[in-house]
Amino acid sequence: MSCYETDTIAAIATPPGEGGVGIVRLSGPKVWEIADQIFKAVDLVPVSACGHGTFSYGKVVDESGAEIDTGLALVMRAPKSYTCEDVVEIQGHGGAVGMRRILRRVLEAGARMAEPGEFTKRAFLNGRIDLVQAEGIFDLIRARSDRAASAAMEQMEGKLSQEFDIIYEAFLEVAANLETTLDFVEDELPDDVFSGISNLLDETFLSLDKMLDTWDEGRLLREGARVVILGRPNAGKSTLLNVLLGFDRAIVSSTAGTTRDTLEEGYVLDGIPLRIIDTAGLRETDCEIEAEGVRRAERHAKEAHLALYLIDASQPLHKEDRLRLEKLDPSRSVVVLNKVDQGRVLNDVTGIEVSLIKDIGVEELKRAIADSLEKGVDLQAPPHAVISERHRHLLILSHHEAMQAREYLNKDIEENAVLAAEHLRSALESLGQVTGRIYHEELLDRIFSRFCIGK
């Protein structure tokens, strides 16, 4: 019997710091014994006697009966709770010290400290949710935009799981049909059996490819994009950062070399969470501090999803800008021609014309940034659940194995049916790991260890 079936776990379920309410959550077989020991209701009715979904008002007491805090005990009985186990939530006054005192009392009474994500892990192990839905909970907690949150909600509700199940069942039908042929003598099979299996397998590839196509959008919503602002001193890099953010984050000065280090801030554009990085002006310098800033700018440029390269369009093109422009990757960069309000004398460079001081061309620039990041992604469509890197990896493995099976079926079908069936089993195993039809402890640890303690 595994520990999750025998242990009662507890953890603080609210963020650290001051707040109106703090929650200590308990789940497991000893919930009623522990709750009755530490919580005394004003109406003298023990927590264990309360009905599902009811609150009890009272106080949390230590071993001597002294009061630790006053608050509520929320009762959730199995299997109607989040974990499908008996659950009690002690709701006290928010605050780090008060919550730690209640948690310490719960642990003294017989619970053990929950591991990261263990409540959600129990929800999975007890059949409340599958692994894709569990990851949707994680995505919702970490969501950095409304669109990301909406996509995570769809995933939590099982929309993405349903699509995976359809693909799994399709592959399962193909594999079952193929396995059935192995029990027959070759001459006993109708001529169209293997062609029907091949056609059904081809249809499953369409669904698989459609799922894989959502990965780019999923990557943007979950991970966001790193956008680095580059250019020579006084091109307007720090001004661009301030304009995008809507407040003065970076110091702006006409003195060249004001920005010596990188500045990073979060920003959401078209539902895409961005990490915008302002950098030191790119130029040769004898100043050791400024030179280090330039090196950091170049390092961020290599790591960024997108580079915004600013040029002062009111001046002739500097040789440093010309060299940099030649090295830019057009698929990962946007050229910004700033200070056009001062009169543009730079006519041999194509880019987005703006005046950051006069607020000219800023919306066009935002559109260009979004277009560059959204290549192959329709972020104007309604929010919908999208696959993660883990899902993509398993889908690619499944796709590879299924293609191997298809190649065997394209050859001498009768002779290679056993090999094709083996590859289809491997494809099903990879697909099964997506939702948790097939799982191992290492897989669960990898997923749930990313969760916070108390969820």
Protein backbone atom coordinates (compact mmCIF):
# COMPACT_ATOMS: atom_id res chain seq x y z
CA MET A 1 0.00 0.00 0.00
CA SER A 2 1.49 3.36 -1.05
CA CYS A 3 1.98 6.19 1.42
CA TYR A 4 -0.66 8.38 -0.21
CA GLU A 5 -3.30 5.82 0.82
CA THR A 6 -2.28 5.78 4.49
CA ASP A 7 -0.86 9.22 5.33
CA THR A 8 -2.81 12.31 6.23
CA ILE A 9 -1.07 15.33 4.74
CA ALA A 10 -1.27 19.01 5.59
CA ALA A 11 0.07 22.28 4.25
CA ILE A 12 -0.62 26.00 4.19
CA ALA A 13 -2.74 26.56 1.07
CA THR A 14 -2.56 30.36 0.91
CA PRO A 15 0.40 32.53 -0.17
CA PRO A 16 2.85 33.67 2.50
CA GLY A 17 2.49 37.13 3.98
CA GLU A 18 -0.30 39.17 5.52
CA GLY A 19 -3.89 38.64 4.43
CA GLY A 20 -7.46 38.61 5.61
CA VAL A 21 -7.67 34.82 5.65
CA GLY A 22 -5.13 32.00 5.72
CA ILE A 23 -5.90 28.33 5.08
CA VAL A 24 -4.29 25.13 6.33
CA ARG A 25 -5.50 22.15 4.28
CA LEU A 26 -5.65 18.53 5.52
CA SER A 27 -6.40 15.43 3.45
CA GLY A 28 -6.36 11.73 4.30
CA PRO A 29 -7.77 9.03 6.56
CA LYS A 30 -6.99 10.72 9.91
CA VAL A 31 -8.59 14.05 9.05
CA TRP A 32 -11.51 13.70 11.49
CA GLU A 33 -9.32 12.51 14.37
CA ILE A 34 -6.93 15.44 13.90
CA ALA A 35 -9.65 18.04 13.30
CA ASP A 36 -11.60 17.05 16.43
CA GLN A 37 -8.39 17.23 18.46
CA ILE A 38 -7.29 20.72 17.38
CA PHE A 39 -10.56 22.53 16.54
CA LYS A 40 -13.24 23.27 19.11
CA ALA A 41 -16.52 24.60 17.71
CA VAL A 42 -18.53 27.16 19.64
CA ASP A 43 -21.66 24.98 19.25
CA LEU A 44 -19.68 22.02 20.68
CA VAL A 45 -20.42 19.89 17.57
CA PRO A 46 -17.19 18.08 16.57
CA VAL A 47 -15.88 18.59 13.06
CA SER A 48 -16.26 14.86 12.37
CA ALA A 49 -20.01 15.20 12.84
CA CYS A 50 -20.43 18.03 10.32
CA GLY A 51 -21.92 17.38 6.90
CA HIS A 52 -20.17 17.76 3.57
CA GLY A 53 -19.77 21.36 2.43
CA THR A 54 -20.51 22.89 5.83
CA PHE A 55 -18.57 25.32 7.98
CA SER A 56 -18.01 25.21 11.69
CA TYR A 57 -16.98 28.31 13.67
CA GLY A 58 -14.65 27.92 16.61
CA LYS A 59 -11.05 28.07 17.73
CA VAL A 60 -7.82 26.19 17.13
CA VAL A 61 -6.28 24.99 20.39
CA ASP A 62 -2.95 23.54 21.44
CA GLU A 63 -2.44 20.36 23.50
CA SER A 64 -3.27 22.19 26.73
CA GLY A 65 -6.46 23.68 25.30
CA ALA A 66 -5.04 27.18 24.96
CA GLU A 67 -6.37 29.15 22.03
CA ILE A 68 -4.06 29.55 18.97
CA ASP A 69 -6.52 31.28 16.63
CA THR A 70 -10.21 31.62 15.86
CA GLY A 71 -11.75 30.80 12.51
CA LEU A 72 -13.65 28.26 10.46
CA ALA A 73 -13.35 24.58 9.67
CA LEU A 74 -14.64 23.68 6.18
CA VAL A 75 -15.66 20.03 5.79
CA MET A 76 -15.39 18.13 2.48
CA ARG A 77 -16.15 14.44 2.60
CA ALA A 78 -14.83 11.79 0.21
CA PRO A 79 -15.27 11.39 -2.68
CA LYS A 80 -16.63 14.91 -3.24
CA SER A 81 -13.42 16.73 -2.32
CA TYR A 82 -10.54 17.92 -4.52
CA THR A 83 -8.44 14.88 -3.60
CA CYS A 84 -11.40 12.44 -3.43
CA GLU A 85 -10.36 11.92 0.21
CA ASP A 86 -11.78 13.36 3.40
CA VAL A 87 -10.59 16.98 3.55
CA VAL A 88 -10.78 19.70 6.18
CA GLU A 89 -9.60 23.27 5.68
CA ILE A 90 -8.84 25.33 8.78
CA GLN A 91 -9.37 28.99 7.92
CA GLY A 92 -7.73 31.41 10.31
CA HIS A 93 -6.51 34.98 10.24
CA GLY A 94 -3.97 35.55 7.51
CA GLY A 95 -0.36 36.02 8.50
CA ALA A 96 2.81 33.96 8.35
CA VAL A 97 3.14 33.38 12.10
CA GLY A 98 -0.49 32.44 12.67
CA MET A 99 -0.51 29.99 9.76
CA ARG A 100 2.73 28.36 10.90
CA ARG A 101 1.30 27.91 14.41
CA ILE A 102 -1.83 26.19 13.08
CA LEU A 103 0.20 24.00 10.72
CA ARG A 104 2.59 23.03 13.52
CA ARG A 105 -0.39 22.03 15.66
CA VAL A 106 -1.84 19.92 12.83
CA LEU A 107 1.49 18.14 12.35
CA GLU A 108 1.76 17.50 16.09
CA ALA A 109 -1.68 15.90 15.99
CA GLY A 110 -0.62 13.26 13.47
CA ALA A 111 -0.45 14.69 9.95
CA ARG A 112 2.71 14.94 7.88
CA MET A 113 3.87 17.84 5.75
CA ALA A 114 2.60 17.58 2.18
CA GLU A 115 5.07 17.44 -0.67
CA PRO A 116 4.88 19.97 -3.54
CA GLY A 117 1.75 19.29 -5.56
CA GLU A 118 0.75 16.31 -3.42
CA PHE A 119 -2.91 17.34 -3.09
CA THR A 120 -3.21 17.50 -6.87
CA LYS A 121 -1.22 14.28 -7.20
CA ARG A 122 -3.76 12.55 -4.97
CA ALA A 123 -6.56 14.00 -7.10
CA PHE A 124 -4.92 12.29 -10.10
CA LEU A 125 -4.20 8.99 -8.34
CA ASN A 126 -7.77 8.85 -7.04
CA GLY A 127 -9.26 9.47 -10.50
CA ARG A 128 -10.52 13.02 -10.00
CA ILE A 129 -8.42 14.43 -12.86
CA ASP A 130 -5.92 13.20 -15.43
CA LEU A 131 -2.37 14.48 -15.90
CA VAL A 132 -3.33 16.99 -18.60
CA GLN A 133 -5.95 18.53 -16.30
CA ALA A 134 -3.43 18.59 -13.45
CA GLU A 135 -1.03 20.52 -15.69
CA GLY A 136 -3.90 22.89 -16.53
CA ILE A 137 -4.17 23.71 -12.81
CA PHE A 138 -0.45 24.49 -12.76
CA ASP A 139 -0.79 26.64 -15.90
CA LEU A 140 -3.68 28.59 -14.37
CA ILE A 141 -1.68 29.35 -11.25
CA ARG A 142 1.27 30.52 -13.36
CA ALA A 143 -0.78 32.30 -16.05
CA ARG A 144 0.60 35.74 -16.94
CA SER A 145 -2.20 36.90 -19.23
CA ASP A 146 -5.98 36.60 -19.57
CA ARG A 147 -5.55 34.47 -22.68
CA ALA A 148 -3.20 32.08 -20.90
CA ALA A 149 -5.65 31.81 -18.00
CA SER A 150 -8.57 31.08 -20.37
CA ALA A 151 -6.55 28.39 -22.14
CA ALA A 152 -5.62 26.85 -18.80
CA MET A 153 -9.27 26.80 -17.72
CA GLU A 154 -10.20 24.87 -20.87
CA GLN A 155 -7.44 22.41 -20.10
CA MET A 156 -8.64 22.03 -16.49
CA GLU A 157 -12.16 21.34 -17.74
CA GLY A 158 -10.89 18.45 -19.85
CA LYS A 159 -11.17 19.90 -23.38
CA LEU A 160 -7.57 19.02 -24.25
CA SER A 161 -7.86 15.61 -22.56
CA GLN A 162 -10.84 14.78 -24.78
CA GLU A 163 -8.78 15.47 -27.88
CA PHE A 164 -5.96 13.27 -26.61
CA ASP A 165 -8.46 10.53 -25.78
CA ILE A 166 -9.85 10.62 -29.32
CA ILE A 167 -6.36 10.17 -30.76
CA TYR A 168 -5.58 7.41 -28.26
CA GLU A 169 -8.78 5.52 -29.05
CA ALA A 170 -8.10 5.83 -32.78
CA PHE A 171 -4.61 4.36 -32.40
CA LEU A 172 -6.02 1.71 -30.08
CA GLU A 173 -8.53 0.67 -32.74
CA VAL A 174 -5.79 0.44 -35.37
CA ALA A 175 -3.60 -1.59 -33.04
CA ALA A 176 -6.49 -3.90 -32.06
CA ASN A 177 -7.41 -4.52 -35.69
CA LEU A 178 -3.82 -5.29 -36.54
CA GLU A 179 -3.35 -7.55 -33.51
CA THR A 180 -6.47 -9.48 -34.56
CA THR A 181 -4.93 -10.35 -37.92
CA LEU A 182 -2.02 -12.08 -36.18
CA ASP A 183 -4.34 -14.88 -35.03
CA PHE A 184 -5.41 -15.80 -38.54
CA VAL A 185 -3.76 -17.79 -41.27
CA GLU A 186 -2.89 -15.54 -44.20
CA ASP A 187 -5.34 -17.15 -46.62
CA GLU A 188 -8.21 -16.73 -44.17
CA LEU A 189 -8.08 -12.90 -44.22
CA PRO A 190 -10.12 -10.81 -46.67
CA ASP A 191 -8.01 -8.92 -49.20
CA ASP A 192 -9.04 -5.48 -47.94
CA VAL A 193 -8.23 -6.01 -44.23
CA PHE A 194 -4.74 -4.53 -44.26
CA SER A 195 -5.67 -1.69 -46.60
CA GLY A 196 -8.46 -0.76 -44.18
CA ILE A 197 -5.98 -0.75 -41.28
CA SER A 198 -3.60 1.47 -43.27
CA ASN A 199 -6.35 3.92 -44.16
CA LEU A 200 -7.48 4.17 -40.54
CA LEU A 201 -3.90 4.79 -39.44
CA ASP A 202 -3.54 7.57 -42.01
CA GLU A 203 -6.63 9.27 -40.59
CA THR A 204 -5.14 9.27 -37.09
CA PHE A 205 -2.08 11.15 -38.36
CA LEU A 206 -4.30 14.11 -39.28
CA SER A 207 -5.51 14.47 -35.68
CA LEU A 208 -1.99 14.02 -34.35
CA ASP A 209 -0.57 16.70 -36.64
CA LYS A 210 -3.38 19.09 -35.68
CA MET A 211 -2.47 18.72 -32.02
CA LEU A 212 1.22 19.29 -32.73
CA ASP A 213 0.35 22.52 -34.53
CA THR A 214 -0.83 24.08 -31.25
CA TRP A 215 2.60 23.86 -29.64
CA ASP A 216 3.90 27.26 -30.78
CA GLU A 217 0.90 28.98 -29.22
CA GLY A 218 1.28 26.93 -26.05
CA ARG A 219 4.95 27.86 -25.77
CA LEU A 220 4.15 31.57 -26.08
CA LEU A 221 1.31 31.45 -23.53
CA ARG A 222 3.21 29.40 -20.94
CA GLU A 223 6.78 30.62 -21.31
CA GLY A 224 6.26 34.05 -22.84
CA ALA A 225 8.84 35.62 -25.11
CA ARG A 226 12.10 37.41 -24.39
CA VAL A 227 12.31 40.64 -26.37
CA VAL A 228 15.62 42.50 -26.30
CA ILE A 229 16.00 46.17 -27.27
CA LEU A 230 19.28 46.85 -29.09
CA GLY A 231 20.93 49.82 -30.77
CA ARG A 232 23.62 52.44 -30.47
CA PRO A 233 23.65 54.96 -27.60
CA ASN A 234 20.89 57.58 -27.77
CA ALA A 235 18.86 55.64 -30.33
CA GLY A 236 15.90 55.68 -27.91
CA LYS A 237 16.08 52.21 -26.35
CA SER A 238 15.18 53.25 -22.81
CA THR A 239 12.46 55.53 -24.14
CA LEU A 240 10.98 52.57 -26.03
CA LEU A 241 10.94 50.50 -22.85
CA ASN A 242 9.12 53.29 -20.99
CA VAL A 243 6.62 53.80 -23.84
CA LEU A 244 5.74 50.11 -24.02
CA LEU A 245 5.34 49.79 -20.25
CA GLY A 246 3.39 53.02 -19.89
CA PHE A 247 5.57 54.38 -17.07
CA ASP A 248 9.14 55.61 -16.59
CA ARG A 249 11.05 52.45 -15.72
CA ALA A 250 14.38 53.40 -17.30
CA ILE A 251 16.35 56.62 -16.88
CA VAL A 252 16.33 58.60 -20.12
CA SER A 253 19.09 61.11 -20.82
CA SER A 254 20.76 62.76 -23.80
CA THR A 255 24.10 61.70 -22.31
CA ALA A 256 25.40 58.70 -24.25
CA GLY A 257 26.00 55.56 -22.16
CA THR A 258 23.39 56.30 -19.48
CA THR A 259 22.23 52.67 -19.50
CA ARG A 260 25.14 50.51 -18.33
CA ASP A 261 23.31 47.34 -17.31
CA THR A 262 20.23 45.50 -18.54
CA LEU A 263 16.73 46.34 -17.30
CA GLU A 264 13.97 43.73 -17.48
CA GLU A 265 10.22 44.20 -17.12
CA GLY A 266 7.12 42.12 -17.83
CA TYR A 267 4.60 43.24 -20.43
CA VAL A 268 1.58 41.57 -22.06
CA LEU A 269 0.98 42.15 -25.78
CA ASP A 270 -1.99 40.51 -27.56
CA GLY A 271 -2.22 37.97 -24.76
CA ILE A 272 1.48 37.09 -25.03
CA PRO A 273 3.51 37.62 -21.85
CA LEU A 274 6.77 39.32 -22.76
CA ARG A 275 9.99 39.90 -20.88
CA ILE A 276 11.34 43.14 -22.35
CA ILE A 277 15.05 43.76 -21.86
CA ASP A 278 16.61 47.20 -22.25
CA THR A 279 20.34 47.08 -22.89
CA ALA A 280 23.42 49.27 -22.99
CA GLY A 281 24.18 51.09 -26.23
CA LEU A 282 26.24 49.05 -28.67
CA ARG A 283 29.54 50.77 -29.33
CA GLU A 284 33.25 50.40 -28.72
CA THR A 285 34.25 51.94 -25.41
CA ASP A 286 37.24 52.17 -23.10
CA CYS A 287 35.00 52.20 -20.02
CA GLU A 288 35.17 48.79 -18.39
CA ILE A 289 31.67 49.07 -16.89
CA GLU A 290 30.06 50.14 -20.15
CA ALA A 291 31.97 47.41 -22.04
CA GLU A 292 30.50 44.81 -19.70
CA GLY A 293 27.05 46.26 -20.43
CA VAL A 294 27.67 45.83 -24.15
CA ARG A 295 28.75 42.21 -23.64
CA ARG A 296 25.56 41.54 -21.69
CA ALA A 297 23.49 43.14 -24.44
CA GLU A 298 25.06 40.86 -27.03
CA ARG A 299 24.44 37.81 -24.85
CA HIS A 300 20.77 38.70 -24.42
CA ALA A 301 20.50 39.24 -28.19
CA LYS A 302 21.56 35.63 -28.78
CA GLU A 303 19.07 34.26 -26.23
CA ALA A 304 16.05 36.43 -27.15
CA HIS A 305 13.04 35.30 -29.16
CA LEU A 306 12.94 38.72 -30.80
CA ALA A 307 15.32 41.68 -31.14
CA LEU A 308 14.13 45.27 -31.60
CA TYR A 309 16.99 47.14 -33.25
CA LEU A 310 16.63 50.92 -32.89
CA ILE A 311 18.26 53.38 -35.26
CA ASP A 312 18.24 57.18 -35.12
CA ALA A 313 16.65 57.88 -38.52
CA SER A 314 17.36 61.62 -38.24
CA GLN A 315 21.08 60.91 -38.68
CA PRO A 316 23.09 59.20 -41.45
CA LEU A 317 23.54 55.47 -40.90
CA HIS A 318 26.50 54.79 -38.62
CA LYS A 319 28.95 52.10 -39.69
CA GLU A 320 28.24 50.20 -36.44
CA ASP A 321 24.53 50.10 -37.30
CA ARG A 322 25.30 48.91 -40.83
CA LEU A 323 27.40 46.02 -39.54
CA ARG A 324 24.75 45.06 -36.99
CA LEU A 325 21.94 45.17 -39.54
CA GLU A 326 23.83 42.78 -41.80
CA LYS A 327 24.01 40.24 -38.96
CA LEU A 328 20.35 40.48 -37.88
CA ASP A 329 18.13 37.46 -38.47
CA PRO A 330 15.04 38.88 -40.25
CA SER A 331 12.83 36.17 -38.74
CA ARG A 332 13.85 37.15 -35.20
CA SER A 333 14.15 40.92 -35.42
CA VAL A 334 12.27 44.16 -36.07
CA VAL A 335 14.14 47.28 -37.23
CA VAL A 336 12.80 50.47 -35.64
CA LEU A 337 13.56 53.84 -37.22
CA ASN A 338 13.18 56.36 -34.41
CA LYS A 339 13.05 60.19 -34.28
CA VAL A 340 11.27 60.58 -37.63
CA ASP A 341 9.67 63.74 -36.23
CA GLN A 342 13.08 65.40 -36.55
CA GLY A 343 13.17 64.73 -40.27
CA ARG A 344 14.25 61.44 -41.78
CA VAL A 345 17.57 61.54 -43.62
CA LEU A 346 18.06 57.76 -43.49
CA ASN A 347 16.36 56.46 -46.62
CA ASP A 348 18.21 53.25 -47.47
CA VAL A 349 16.99 51.20 -44.46
CA THR A 350 13.54 49.62 -44.15
CA GLY A 351 11.86 49.50 -40.77
CA ILE A 352 8.96 50.67 -38.62
CA GLU A 353 9.00 54.47 -38.54
CA VAL A 354 8.33 55.92 -35.10
CA SER A 355 8.77 58.94 -32.94
CA LEU A 356 8.73 57.67 -29.40
CA ILE A 357 8.68 61.20 -27.98
CA LYS A 358 5.72 62.25 -30.16
CA ASP A 359 3.95 58.85 -29.89
CA ILE A 360 4.07 58.36 -33.65
CA GLY A 361 4.03 54.82 -35.04
CA VAL A 362 3.93 53.10 -31.62
CA GLU A 363 0.81 51.07 -32.42
CA GLU A 364 2.34 49.96 -35.74
CA LEU A 365 5.44 48.87 -33.85
CA LYS A 366 3.38 46.85 -31.37
CA ARG A 367 1.61 45.18 -34.29
CA ALA A 368 4.96 44.34 -35.89
CA ILE A 369 6.23 42.83 -32.62
CA ALA A 370 3.08 40.73 -32.26
CA ASP A 371 3.20 39.61 -35.89
CA SER A 372 6.81 38.48 -35.52
CA LEU A 373 6.04 36.48 -32.37
CA GLU A 374 2.77 35.08 -33.68
CA LYS A 375 4.10 33.54 -36.90
CA GLY A 376 2.16 30.32 -37.39
CA VAL A 377 -0.06 31.14 -34.40
CA ASP A 378 -3.59 32.53 -34.60
CA LEU A 379 -3.88 34.50 -31.40
CA GLN A 380 -6.91 36.34 -32.74
CA ALA A 381 -8.93 33.12 -32.45
CA PRO A 382 -10.81 32.46 -29.18
CA PRO A 383 -8.57 31.16 -26.36
CA HIS A 384 -8.31 27.38 -26.37
CA ALA A 385 -6.28 24.69 -24.62
CA VAL A 386 -2.91 24.06 -26.25
CA ILE A 387 -0.22 21.42 -25.79
CA SER A 388 2.88 21.84 -23.64
CA GLU A 389 6.48 20.80 -24.30
CA ARG A 390 5.86 17.52 -22.46
CA HIS A 391 2.83 16.77 -24.62
CA ARG A 392 4.73 17.70 -27.77
CA HIS A 393 7.63 15.39 -26.90
CA LEU A 394 5.31 12.43 -26.33
CA LEU A 395 3.27 13.17 -29.45
CA ILE A 396 6.44 13.26 -31.55
CA LEU A 397 7.54 9.91 -30.11
CA SER A 398 4.11 8.47 -30.85
CA HIS A 399 4.13 9.93 -34.34
CA HIS A 400 7.54 8.39 -35.06
CA GLU A 401 6.47 4.94 -33.87
CA ALA A 402 3.23 5.11 -35.84
CA MET A 403 5.14 6.14 -38.97
CA GLN A 404 7.41 3.12 -38.50
CA ALA A 405 4.31 0.94 -38.33
CA ARG A 406 2.93 2.60 -41.46
CA GLU A 407 6.14 1.92 -43.37
CA TYR A 408 5.97 -1.78 -42.47
CA LEU A 409 2.38 -1.89 -43.66
CA ASN A 410 3.46 -0.32 -46.95
CA LYS A 411 5.85 -3.23 -47.54
CA ASP A 412 4.94 -6.89 -47.28
CA ILE A 413 1.98 -6.43 -44.96
CA GLU A 414 1.44 -10.02 -43.90
CA GLU A 415 5.11 -10.58 -43.24
CA ASN A 416 5.64 -7.35 -41.29
CA ALA A 417 2.38 -7.29 -39.33
CA VAL A 418 4.09 -8.36 -36.09
CA LEU A 419 6.69 -5.56 -36.36
CA ALA A 420 4.03 -3.00 -37.21
CA ALA A 421 1.98 -4.09 -34.20
CA GLU A 422 5.02 -3.67 -31.93
CA HIS A 423 5.55 -0.09 -33.11
CA LEU A 424 1.87 0.69 -32.57
CA ARG A 425 2.15 -0.58 -28.99
CA SER A 426 5.04 1.84 -28.46
CA ALA A 427 2.98 4.67 -29.98
CA LEU A 428 0.14 3.88 -27.58
CA GLU A 429 2.51 3.84 -24.61
CA SER A 430 3.72 7.36 -25.43
CA LEU A 431 0.17 8.61 -25.94
CA GLY A 432 -0.92 6.99 -22.70
CA GLN A 433 1.69 8.94 -20.75
CA VAL A 434 0.16 12.23 -21.90
CA THR A 435 -3.04 11.89 -19.87
CA GLY A 436 -1.74 9.35 -17.37
CA ARG A 437 -3.37 6.19 -18.70
CA ILE A 438 0.19 4.90 -18.39
CA TYR A 439 2.47 6.43 -15.79
CA HIS A 440 5.46 5.75 -13.56
CA GLU A 441 6.63 7.43 -10.38
CA GLU A 442 9.38 9.39 -12.13
CA LEU A 443 6.82 10.93 -14.48
CA LEU A 444 4.58 11.98 -11.58
CA ASP A 445 7.51 13.41 -9.65
CA ARG A 446 8.57 15.44 -12.67
CA ILE A 447 5.09 16.92 -13.09
CA PHE A 448 3.98 17.54 -9.51
CA SER A 449 7.33 18.69 -8.09
CA ARG A 450 6.81 21.95 -10.01
CA PHE A 451 3.66 22.73 -7.98
CA CYS A 452 3.68 24.79 -4.83
CA ILE A 453 3.27 23.09 -1.47
CA GLY A 454 -0.41 23.20 -0.51
CA LYS A 455 -1.81 22.63 -4.00
